[in-house]
C-alpha atoms as a PDB file:
ATOM      1  CA  MET A   1    -138.619 -65.767-219.419  1.00  0.00           C
ATOM      2  CA  GLN A   2    -136.715 -67.307-222.119  1.00  0.00           C
ATOM      3  CA  LYS A   3    -134.134 -69.688-222.094  1.00  0.00           C
ATOM      4  CA  LYS A   4    -130.513 -68.607-222.784  1.00  0.00           C
ATOM      5  CA  ASP A   5    -128.927 -72.333-223.335  1.00  0.00           C
ATOM      6  CA  ARG A   6    -130.571 -74.268-225.737  1.00  0.00           C
ATOM      7  CA  ILE A   7    -129.959 -76.732-228.785  1.00  0.00           C
ATOM      8  CA  ILE A   8    -131.602 -76.016-231.714  1.00  0.00           C
ATOM      9  CA  LEU A   9    -132.279 -78.836-234.495  1.00  0.00           C
ATOM     10  CA  GLY A  10    -133.302 -77.481-237.487  1.00  0.00           C
ATOM     11  CA  ILE A  11    -134.217 -80.126-240.434  1.00  0.00           C
ATOM     12  CA  ASP A  12    -135.269 -79.275-244.579  1.00  0.00           C
ATOM     13  CA  PRO A  13    -137.511 -82.175-244.786  1.00  0.00           C
ATOM     14  CA  GLY A  14    -136.649 -84.341-248.320  1.00  0.00           C
ATOM     15  CA  THR A  15    -137.848 -87.663-249.500  1.00  0.00           C
ATOM     16  CA  ASN A  16    -134.431 -88.209-251.430  1.00  0.00           C
ATOM     17  CA  ILE A  17    -132.509 -85.908-249.280  1.00  0.00           C
ATOM     18  CA  MET A  18    -132.866 -84.507-245.950  1.00  0.00           C
ATOM     19  CA  GLY A  19    -130.825 -81.294-244.866  1.00  0.00           C
ATOM     20  CA  TYR A  20    -130.026 -80.659-241.134  1.00  0.00           C
ATOM     21  CA  GLY A  21    -128.208 -78.165-238.742  1.00  0.00           C
ATOM     22  CA  VAL A  22    -127.671 -78.201-235.073  1.00  0.00           C
ATOM     23  CA  ILE A  23    -127.101 -74.967-233.031  1.00  0.00           C
ATOM     24  CA  HIS A  24    -126.563 -73.866-229.728  1.00  0.00           C
ATOM     25  CA  GLU A  25    -127.439 -70.721-228.186  1.00  0.00           C
ATOM     26  CA  ASN A  26    -125.296 -70.519-224.890  1.00  0.00           C
ATOM     27  CA  GLY A  27    -125.859 -66.729-223.687  1.00  0.00           C
ATOM     28  CA  LYS A  28    -125.024 -64.146-226.288  1.00  0.00           C
ATOM     29  CA  ASN A  29    -122.643 -67.253-228.289  1.00  0.00           C
ATOM     30  CA  LEU A  30    -123.815 -69.139-231.353  1.00  0.00           C
ATOM     31  CA  ASP A  31    -121.759 -72.306-231.921  1.00  0.00           C
ATOM     32  CA  LEU A  32    -122.673 -74.329-234.834  1.00  0.00           C
ATOM     33  CA  LEU A  33    -122.784 -77.619-233.249  1.00  0.00           C
ATOM     34  CA  GLY A  34    -122.970 -80.252-236.828  1.00  0.00           C
ATOM     35  CA  MET A  35    -125.048 -80.414-239.851  1.00  0.00           C
ATOM     36  CA  GLY A  36    -125.326 -82.525-242.524  1.00  0.00           C
ATOM     37  CA  ILE A  37    -127.874 -84.554-244.474  1.00  0.00           C
ATOM     38  CA  ILE A  38    -129.573 -88.216-244.599  1.00  0.00           C
ATOM     39  CA  ASN A  39    -129.050 -89.505-248.383  1.00  0.00           C
ATOM     40  CA  MET A  40    -132.117 -91.905-249.403  1.00  0.00           C
ATOM     41  CA  GLN A  41    -131.536 -91.523-253.246  1.00  0.00           C
ATOM     42  CA  LYS A  42    -130.037 -95.109-253.793  1.00  0.00           C
ATOM     43  CA  MET A  43    -133.424 -96.345-251.183  1.00  0.00           C
ATOM     44  CA  ASP A  44    -136.126 -97.873-252.490  1.00  0.00           C
ATOM     45  CA  GLY A  45    -139.758 -97.486-251.710  1.00  0.00           C
ATOM     46  CA  HIS A  46    -141.041 -94.329-250.710  1.00  0.00           C
ATOM     47  CA  PHE A  47    -142.216 -96.198-247.060  1.00  0.00           C
ATOM     48  CA  ASN A  48    -138.801 -97.305-246.651  1.00  0.00           C
ATOM     49  CA  LYS A  49    -137.596 -93.759-246.989  1.00  0.00           C
ATOM     50  CA  LEU A  50    -140.355 -92.456-244.356  1.00  0.00           C
ATOM     51  CA  LYS A  51    -139.059 -94.964-241.821  1.00  0.00           C
ATOM     52  CA  HIS A  52    -135.422 -94.115-242.784  1.00  0.00           C
ATOM     53  CA  ILE A  53    -135.725 -90.269-241.890  1.00  0.00           C
ATOM     54  CA  TYR A  54    -138.047 -91.611-238.662  1.00  0.00           C
ATOM     55  CA  GLU A  55    -135.115 -93.583-237.727  1.00  0.00           C
ATOM     56  CA  ARG A  56    -132.212 -91.152-238.201  1.00  0.00           C
ATOM     57  CA  THR A  57    -134.253 -88.174-236.905  1.00  0.00           C
ATOM     58  CA  LEU A  58    -134.272 -90.433-233.762  1.00  0.00           C
ATOM     59  CA  GLN A  59    -130.815 -90.915-233.942  1.00  0.00           C
ATOM     60  CA  LEU A  60    -129.715 -86.848-234.115  1.00  0.00           C
ATOM     61  CA  ILE A  61    -132.230 -86.223-231.291  1.00  0.00           C
ATOM     62  CA  ASP A  62    -130.579 -88.649-229.231  1.00  0.00           C
ATOM     63  CA  GLY A  63    -127.107 -87.820-230.634  1.00  0.00           C
ATOM     64  CA  PHE A  64    -127.283 -83.751-230.142  1.00  0.00           C
ATOM     65  CA  LYS A  65    -130.323 -83.569-227.155  1.00  0.00           C
ATOM     66  CA  PRO A  66    -131.880 -80.947-228.471  1.00  0.00           C
ATOM     67  CA  ASP A  67    -133.984 -78.469-226.535  1.00  0.00           C
ATOM     68  CA  GLU A  68    -136.108 -77.540-229.805  1.00  0.00           C
ATOM     69  CA  LEU A  69    -136.924 -78.611-233.312  1.00  0.00           C
ATOM     70  CA  ALA A  70    -137.709 -76.102-236.141  1.00  0.00           C
ATOM     71  CA  ILE A  71    -138.884 -77.445-239.551  1.00  0.00           C
ATOM     72  CA  GLU A  72    -139.921 -76.056-242.904  1.00  0.00           C
ATOM     73  CA  ALA A  73    -143.494 -76.467-244.077  1.00  0.00           C
ATOM     74  CA  PRO A  74    -143.662 -77.850-247.027  1.00  0.00           C
ATOM     75  CA  PHE A  75    -143.253 -75.260-249.983  1.00  0.00           C
ATOM     76  CA  GLN A  76    -146.512 -74.862-252.194  1.00  0.00           C
ATOM     77  CA  GLY A  77    -146.087 -76.035-255.793  1.00  0.00           C
ATOM     78  CA  LYS A  78    -147.887 -77.192-258.842  1.00  0.00           C
ATOM     79  CA  ASN A  79    -147.489 -80.636-257.632  1.00  0.00           C
ATOM     80  CA  VAL A  80    -149.735 -82.336-255.963  1.00  0.00           C
ATOM     81  CA  GLN A  81    -147.828 -86.125-255.946  1.00  0.00           C
ATOM     82  CA  SER A  82    -144.388 -84.085-254.447  1.00  0.00           C
ATOM     83  CA  MET A  83    -145.880 -81.770-251.573  1.00  0.00           C
ATOM     84  CA  LEU A  84    -147.656 -84.916-250.799  1.00  0.00           C
ATOM     85  CA  LYS A  85    -144.021 -87.185-250.445  1.00  0.00           C
ATOM     86  CA  LEU A  86    -142.736 -83.735-248.843  1.00  0.00           C
ATOM     87  CA  GLY A  87    -145.671 -83.497-246.486  1.00  0.00           C
ATOM     88  CA  ARG A  88    -145.500 -87.268-245.432  1.00  0.00           C
ATOM     89  CA  ALA A  89    -141.270 -87.158-244.597  1.00  0.00           C
ATOM     90  CA  GLN A  90    -141.795 -83.567-242.470  1.00  0.00           C
ATOM     91  CA  GLY A  91    -144.487 -86.217-240.350  1.00  0.00           C
ATOM     92  CA  ALA A  92    -142.064 -88.411-240.006  1.00  0.00           C
ATOM     93  CA  ALA A  93    -139.828 -86.168-238.842  1.00  0.00           C
ATOM     94  CA  ILE A  94    -141.985 -84.676-236.769  1.00  0.00           C
ATOM     95  CA  SER A  95    -143.238 -87.862-235.302  1.00  0.00           C
ATOM     96  CA  ALA A  96    -139.633 -88.601-234.413  1.00  0.00           C
ATOM     97  CA  ALA A  97    -139.458 -85.272-232.187  1.00  0.00           C
ATOM     98  CA  LEU A  98    -143.316 -86.068-230.474  1.00  0.00           C
ATOM     99  CA  THR A  99    -141.648 -89.233-229.717  1.00  0.00           C
ATOM    100  CA  ARG A 100    -139.118 -87.604-227.605  1.00  0.00           C
ATOM    101  CA  THR A 101    -141.593 -85.069-226.657  1.00  0.00           C
ATOM    102  CA  ILE A 102    -139.171 -82.129-228.230  1.00  0.00           C
ATOM    103  CA  PRO A 103    -141.058 -78.388-229.038  1.00  0.00           C
ATOM    104  CA  ILE A 104    -141.227 -78.082-232.469  1.00  0.00           C
ATOM    105  CA  PHE A 105    -141.796 -75.034-234.394  1.00  0.00           C
ATOM    106  CA  GLU A 106    -142.785 -74.354-238.017  1.00  0.00           C
ATOM    107  CA  TYR A 107    -141.098 -71.986-240.738  1.00  0.00           C
ATOM    108  CA  ALA A 108    -142.111 -71.167-244.450  1.00  0.00           C
ATOM    109  CA  PRO A 109    -139.598 -71.099-246.538  1.00  0.00           C
ATOM    110  CA  ARG A 110    -139.933 -67.386-247.567  1.00  0.00           C
ATOM    111  CA  LYS A 111    -139.981 -66.749-243.674  1.00  0.00           C
ATOM    112  CA  ILE A 112    -136.649 -68.886-243.613  1.00  0.00           C
ATOM    113  CA  LYS A 113    -134.973 -66.977-246.033  1.00  0.00           C
ATOM    114  CA  LEU A 114    -136.125 -63.695-244.924  1.00  0.00           C
ATOM    115  CA  SER A 115    -134.514 -64.216-241.756  1.00  0.00           C
ATOM    116  CA  ILE A 116    -131.146 -65.483-243.074  1.00  0.00           C
ATOM    117  CA  THR A 117    -130.719 -62.854-245.743  1.00  0.00           C
ATOM    118  CA  GLY A 118    -133.289 -60.042-245.801  1.00  0.00           C
ATOM    119  CA  ASN A 119    -134.775 -61.336-248.849  1.00  0.00           C
ATOM    120  CA  GLY A 120    -137.385 -63.406-249.008  1.00  0.00           C
ATOM    121  CA  ASN A 121    -136.551 -64.738-252.413  1.00  0.00           C
ATOM    122  CA  ALA A 122    -133.176 -65.357-252.469  1.00  0.00           C
ATOM    123  CA  SER A 123    -131.857 -68.543-253.591  1.00  0.00           C
ATOM    124  CA  LYS A 124    -130.331 -71.179-251.712  1.00  0.00           C
ATOM    125  CA  GLU A 125    -126.793 -70.049-252.701  1.00  0.00           C
ATOM    126  CA  GLN A 126    -127.375 -66.878-250.943  1.00  0.00           C
ATOM    127  CA  VAL A 127    -129.057 -68.264-247.979  1.00  0.00           C
ATOM    128  CA  ALA A 128    -125.491 -70.685-247.684  1.00  0.00           C
ATOM    129  CA  GLY A 129    -122.936 -67.939-247.883  1.00  0.00           C
ATOM    130  CA  MET A 130    -124.761 -65.642-245.430  1.00  0.00           C
ATOM    131  CA  LEU A 131    -125.168 -68.462-242.956  1.00  0.00           C
ATOM    132  CA  ILE A 132    -121.109 -69.749-243.588  1.00  0.00           C
ATOM    133  CA  LYS A 133    -120.299 -65.677-243.033  1.00  0.00           C
ATOM    134  CA  MET A 134    -122.494 -65.508-239.755  1.00  0.00           C
ATOM    135  CA  LEU A 135    -120.915 -69.020-238.116  1.00  0.00           C
ATOM    136  CA  LYS A 136    -117.546 -68.413-239.598  1.00  0.00           C
ATOM    137  CA  ILE A 137    -117.887 -71.791-241.516  1.00  0.00           C
ATOM    138  CA  THR A 138    -115.019 -73.428-243.083  1.00  0.00           C
ATOM    139  CA  GLU A 139    -115.961 -76.561-244.115  1.00  0.00           C
ATOM    140  CA  ILE A 140    -118.527 -76.401-246.878  1.00  0.00           C
ATOM    141  CA  PRO A 141    -121.152 -78.537-247.300  1.00  0.00           C
ATOM    142  CA  GLU A 142    -120.898 -81.033-249.989  1.00  0.00           C
ATOM    143  CA  THR A 143    -124.962 -80.245-250.724  1.00  0.00           C
ATOM    144  CA  LEU A 144    -126.850 -77.141-250.104  1.00  0.00           C
ATOM    145  CA  ASP A 145    -129.250 -79.748-248.175  1.00  0.00           C
ATOM    146  CA  ALA A 146    -127.484 -79.162-245.051  1.00  0.00           C
ATOM    147  CA  THR A 147    -127.346 -75.313-245.122  1.00  0.00           C
ATOM    148  CA  ASP A 148    -130.832 -75.331-245.890  1.00  0.00           C
ATOM    149  CA  GLY A 149    -131.482 -77.363-242.334  1.00  0.00           C
ATOM    150  CA  LEU A 150    -128.948 -75.274-240.400  1.00  0.00           C
ATOM    151  CA  ALA A 151    -130.815 -71.796-242.082  1.00  0.00           C
ATOM    152  CA  VAL A 152    -134.065 -73.478-240.073  1.00  0.00           C
ATOM    153  CA  ALA A 153    -132.390 -73.643-237.132  1.00  0.00           C
ATOM    154  CA  MET A 154    -131.316 -70.388-237.104  1.00  0.00           C
ATOM    155  CA  CYS A 155    -134.311 -68.633-238.579  1.00  0.00           C
ATOM    156  CA  HIS A 156    -135.969 -70.566-235.269  1.00  0.00           C
ATOM    157  CA  PHE A 157    -133.106 -68.927-233.063  1.00  0.00           C
ATOM    158  CA  TYR A 158    -133.927 -65.327-234.854  1.00  0.00           C
ATOM    159  CA  GLN A 159    -137.426 -65.653-234.341  1.00  0.00           C
ATOM    160  CA  ARG A 160    -137.284 -66.238-230.638  1.00  0.00           C
ATOM    161  CA  LYS A 161    -134.750 -63.817-229.827  1.00  0.00           C
ATOM    162  CA  GLY A 162    -137.399 -61.236-230.612  1.00  0.00           C
ATOM    163  CA  LEU A 163    -135.360 -59.249-233.836  1.00  0.00           C
ATOM    164  CA  LYS A 164    -136.481 -55.820-233.977  1.00  0.00           C
ATOM    165  CA  SER A 165    -137.932 -55.941-237.663  1.00  0.00           C
ATOM    166  CA  GLU A 166    -140.503 -53.245-236.987  1.00  0.00           C
ATOM    167  CA  SER A 167    -137.080 -50.821-236.429  1.00  0.00           C
ATOM    168  CA  LYS A 168    -136.604 -48.755-239.411  1.00  0.00           C
ATOM    169  CA  CYS A 169    -132.912 -49.536-240.810  1.00  0.00           C
ATOM    170  CA  LYS A 170    -131.514 -47.776-244.077  1.00  0.00           C
ATOM    171  CA  ASP A 171    -129.760 -51.029-244.874  1.00  0.00           C
ATOM    172  CA  TRP A 172    -128.634 -54.648-244.052  1.00  0.00           C
ATOM    173  CA  SER A 173    -125.409 -53.620-242.151  1.00  0.00           C
ATOM    174  CA  GLU A 174    -127.518 -51.666-239.924  1.00  0.00           C
ATOM    175  CA  TYR A 175    -129.934 -54.605-239.210  1.00  0.00           C
ATOM    176  CA  ILE A 176    -127.338 -56.666-238.455  1.00  0.00           C
ATOM    177  CA  ARG A 177    -125.838 -54.641-236.054  1.00  0.00           C
ATOM    178  CA  LYS A 178    -129.587 -53.099-234.467  1.00  0.00           C
ATOM    179  CA  ASN A 179    -130.038 -57.189-233.382  1.00  0.00           C
ATOM    180  CA  ASN A 180    -127.071 -58.094-232.914  1.00  0.00           C
ATOM    181  CA  ILE A 181    -126.226 -60.470-235.696  1.00  0.00           C
ATOM    182  CA  PRO A 182    -123.104 -62.526-235.789  1.00  0.00           C
ATOM    183  CA  VAL A 183    -122.033 -61.713-239.080  1.00  0.00           C
ATOM    184  CA  ASP A 184    -118.661 -59.898-240.423  1.00  0.00           C
ATOM    185  CA  GLU A 185    -120.958 -56.613-241.233  1.00  0.00           C
ATOM    186  CA  LYS A 186    -117.973 -55.203-244.130  1.00  0.00           C
ATOM    187  CA  LYS A 187    -118.656 -58.632-246.133  1.00  0.00           C
ATOM    188  CA  SER A 188    -122.507 -58.299-246.265  1.00  0.00           C
ATOM    189  CA  ARG A 189    -123.914 -56.461-248.877  1.00  0.00           C
ATOM    190  CA  ASN A 190    -127.540 -57.991-248.735  1.00  0.00           C
ATOM    191  CA  LYS A 191    -130.272 -55.446-247.869  1.00  0.00           C
ATOM    192  CA  PRO A 192    -133.517 -56.238-246.177  1.00  0.00           C
ATOM    193  CA  ALA A 193    -137.003 -56.228-247.793  1.00  0.00           C
ATOM    194  CA  SER A 194    -139.328 -53.974-247.606  1.00  0.00           C
END
């Protein structure tokens, strides 16, 4: 039986900026508890940044007390050094969750975009726009890294909710309606991926 009252911390790892978002599922209600970034652009040394990610993730966990942590998997790009650094950043955040014995779930970037917009190739701006509508966000974050972290949490929420992805829908509005996704259908113009 799935828990109907849970807090999900979503993390978009990065070595310069790490985004996070926290949502609370309470029965049929879904509330945004917080989102933001951890900015390490002015910090020196890769290992100092990893220590900072670990410590700040622990602070987020101790502050929000999430039941689960969802994290974005490193994007497989051509730059091996960037992938290695991103993997280490992800590992630092995962280590913090393991320290507090919080279950961890990992999602590929494409799956996250698909779960939010219905399009696995959606832009960061499209993902942010859908989240703003879905959660009725009035204060727009300063960077898209914050909404990226929130998207990871929302992706996990949808995966655990058991969306009817196999059902045939003629458009994105019907998909939203069939899956009880909290969004203003009149404003949504995206279509589901085939």
